[in-house]
C-alpha atoms as a PDB file:
ATOM      1  CA  MET A   1      64.579  79.019 -12.657  1.00  0.00           C
ATOM      2  CA  LYS A   2      67.912  78.119 -10.936  1.00  0.00           C
ATOM      3  CA  ILE A   3      68.579  77.463  -7.254  1.00  0.00           C
ATOM      4  CA  ILE A   4      72.078  78.069  -6.047  1.00  0.00           C
ATOM      5  CA  GLU A   5      73.935  78.091  -2.703  1.00  0.00           C
ATOM      6  CA  VAL A   6      75.918  81.233  -2.542  1.00  0.00           C
ATOM      7  CA  GLU A   7      79.563  80.895  -1.837  1.00  0.00           C
ATOM      8  CA  ASN A   8      80.847  84.439  -2.895  1.00  0.00           C
ATOM      9  CA  ARG A   9      78.793  87.069  -1.120  1.00  0.00           C
ATOM     10  CA  ALA A  10      79.642  89.967  -3.267  1.00  0.00           C
ATOM     11  CA  GLU A  11      78.488  93.416  -2.348  1.00  0.00           C
ATOM     12  CA  SER A  12      76.453  93.625  -5.513  1.00  0.00           C
ATOM     13  CA  LEU A  13      74.534  90.468  -4.769  1.00  0.00           C
ATOM     14  CA  MET A  14      74.010  91.556  -1.194  1.00  0.00           C
ATOM     15  CA  GLY A  15      72.524  94.702  -2.594  1.00  0.00           C
ATOM     16  CA  GLU A  16      70.116  92.785  -4.738  1.00  0.00           C
ATOM     17  CA  LEU A  17      69.116  90.641  -1.947  1.00  0.00           C
ATOM     18  CA  LEU A  18      68.439  93.677   0.318  1.00  0.00           C
ATOM     19  CA  LEU A  19      66.100  94.981  -2.311  1.00  0.00           C
ATOM     20  CA  ILE A  20      64.351  91.542  -2.435  1.00  0.00           C
ATOM     21  CA  TRP A  21      64.111  91.577   1.335  1.00  0.00           C
ATOM     22  CA  GLU A  22      62.612  95.112   1.497  1.00  0.00           C
ATOM     23  CA  SER A  23      60.092  94.376  -1.375  1.00  0.00           C
ATOM     24  CA  SER A  24      59.029  91.153   0.312  1.00  0.00           C
ATOM     25  CA  VAL A  25      58.743  92.683   3.796  1.00  0.00           C
ATOM     26  CA  LYS A  26      56.601  95.689   2.628  1.00  0.00           C
ATOM     27  CA  ALA A  27      54.244  93.357   0.830  1.00  0.00           C
ATOM     28  CA  THR A  28      53.776  90.794   3.612  1.00  0.00           C
ATOM     29  CA  HIS A  29      54.672  92.307   6.934  1.00  0.00           C
ATOM     30  CA  LEU A  30      51.847  94.827   7.074  1.00  0.00           C
ATOM     31  CA  PHE A  31      52.146  94.993  10.818  1.00  0.00           C
ATOM     32  CA  LEU A  32      55.438  96.856  10.492  1.00  0.00           C
ATOM     33  CA  SER A  33      55.656 100.611  10.088  1.00  0.00           C
ATOM     34  CA  GLU A  34      58.091 102.211   7.540  1.00  0.00           C
ATOM     35  CA  SER A  35      60.290 103.359  10.360  1.00  0.00           C
ATOM     36  CA  GLU A  36      60.400  99.856  11.852  1.00  0.00           C
ATOM     37  CA  ILE A  37      61.290  98.376   8.373  1.00  0.00           C
ATOM     38  CA  GLY A  38      63.993 100.981   8.048  1.00  0.00           C
ATOM     39  CA  ALA A  39      65.359 100.157  11.440  1.00  0.00           C
ATOM     40  CA  ILE A  40      65.478  96.299  10.685  1.00  0.00           C
ATOM     41  CA  LYS A  41      66.905  96.923   7.156  1.00  0.00           C
ATOM     42  CA  LYS A  42      70.265  98.134   8.739  1.00  0.00           C
ATOM     43  CA  TYR A  43      70.798  94.693  10.073  1.00  0.00           C
ATOM     44  CA  VAL A  44      69.930  92.696   7.063  1.00  0.00           C
ATOM     45  CA  PRO A  45      73.311  92.978   5.228  1.00  0.00           C
ATOM     46  CA  GLN A  46      75.167  91.569   8.257  1.00  0.00           C
ATOM     47  CA  ALA A  47      72.608  88.780   8.538  1.00  0.00           C
ATOM     48  CA  LEU A  48      73.071  87.852   4.911  1.00  0.00           C
ATOM     49  CA  LYS A  49      76.871  87.733   5.405  1.00  0.00           C
ATOM     50  CA  GLU A  50      76.637  85.593   8.493  1.00  0.00           C
ATOM     51  CA  ILE A  51      73.983  83.050   7.694  1.00  0.00           C
ATOM     52  CA  PRO A  52      75.862  79.773   7.192  1.00  0.00           C
ATOM     53  CA  HIS A  53      73.788  78.599   4.165  1.00  0.00           C
ATOM     54  CA  LEU A  54      72.473  81.352   1.844  1.00  0.00           C
ATOM     55  CA  ILE A  55      70.455  79.955  -1.062  1.00  0.00           C
ATOM     56  CA  ILE A  56      69.136  82.142  -3.943  1.00  0.00           C
ATOM     57  CA  VAL A  57      66.606  81.470  -6.711  1.00  0.00           C
ATOM     58  CA  GLU A  58      67.221  83.156 -10.024  1.00  0.00           C
ATOM     59  CA  ASN A  59      64.644  83.660 -12.714  1.00  0.00           C
ATOM     60  CA  GLU A  60      65.140  82.512 -16.318  1.00  0.00           C
ATOM     61  CA  ASN A  61      67.261  85.689 -16.904  1.00  0.00           C
ATOM     62  CA  GLY A  62      69.696  84.770 -14.123  1.00  0.00           C
ATOM     63  CA  ILE A  63      68.326  87.594 -11.921  1.00  0.00           C
ATOM     64  CA  PRO A  64      67.963  86.782  -8.236  1.00  0.00           C
ATOM     65  CA  VAL A  65      64.200  86.931  -7.239  1.00  0.00           C
ATOM     66  CA  GLY A  66      64.284  85.244  -3.771  1.00  0.00           C
ATOM     67  CA  PHE A  67      66.506  83.866  -1.119  1.00  0.00           C
ATOM     68  CA  MET A  68      66.593  81.683   2.039  1.00  0.00           C
ATOM     69  CA  GLY A  69      68.995  81.357   4.885  1.00  0.00           C
ATOM     70  CA  ILE A  70      69.588  78.210   6.886  1.00  0.00           C
ATOM     71  CA  VAL A  71      71.252  77.579  10.166  1.00  0.00           C
ATOM     72  CA  GLU A  72      71.954  73.896  10.790  1.00  0.00           C
ATOM     73  CA  ARG A  73      68.575  72.345   9.926  1.00  0.00           C
ATOM     74  CA  HIS A  74      66.506  75.495  10.628  1.00  0.00           C
ATOM     75  CA  LEU A  75      65.042  77.874   7.990  1.00  0.00           C
ATOM     76  CA  GLU A  76      65.846  81.334   9.386  1.00  0.00           C
ATOM     77  CA  MET A  77      64.820  83.512   6.467  1.00  0.00           C
ATOM     78  CA  LEU A  78      62.817  83.084   3.269  1.00  0.00           C
ATOM     79  CA  PHE A  79      61.974  86.060   1.051  1.00  0.00           C
ATOM     80  CA  ILE A  80      60.596  86.337  -2.530  1.00  0.00           C
ATOM     81  CA  SER A  81      60.407  89.677  -4.368  1.00  0.00           C
ATOM     82  CA  ASN A  82      56.902  91.149  -4.247  1.00  0.00           C
ATOM     83  CA  GLU A  83      56.944  91.292  -8.065  1.00  0.00           C
ATOM     84  CA  GLU A  84      57.581  87.549  -8.173  1.00  0.00           C
ATOM     85  CA  ARG A  85      55.153  86.340  -5.646  1.00  0.00           C
ATOM     86  CA  GLY A  86      52.678  83.725  -6.798  1.00  0.00           C
ATOM     87  CA  LYS A  87      54.886  82.241  -9.453  1.00  0.00           C
ATOM     88  CA  GLY A  88      55.991  79.223  -7.462  1.00  0.00           C
ATOM     89  CA  TYR A  89      59.507  80.171  -6.493  1.00  0.00           C
ATOM     90  CA  GLY A  90      58.940  79.769  -2.743  1.00  0.00           C
ATOM     91  CA  LYS A  91      57.618  76.208  -3.063  1.00  0.00           C
ATOM     92  CA  ASP A  92      60.469  75.160  -5.310  1.00  0.00           C
ATOM     93  CA  PHE A  93      63.018  75.932  -2.640  1.00  0.00           C
ATOM     94  CA  GLY A  94      62.053  72.671  -0.831  1.00  0.00           C
END
């Protein structure tokens, strides 16, 4: 596992993080309907580009499996791919 603060927010990485976001939200935000998730999803790429500190966690193969966003000293977002939940990635961010 590798934890990195992202400097270069390439479109390809943003696409991977959007997939992680969607996987995580569908698994954990059961109170949201599919249409609500779709509506929120439209804003996620912009949020990823604008968050001051974007930290990703990569698995042993160098593939992003989770991310968090920080503004000043506040955690604004934390998402782990549903397929990777329960493997300790979220607790290792701290």
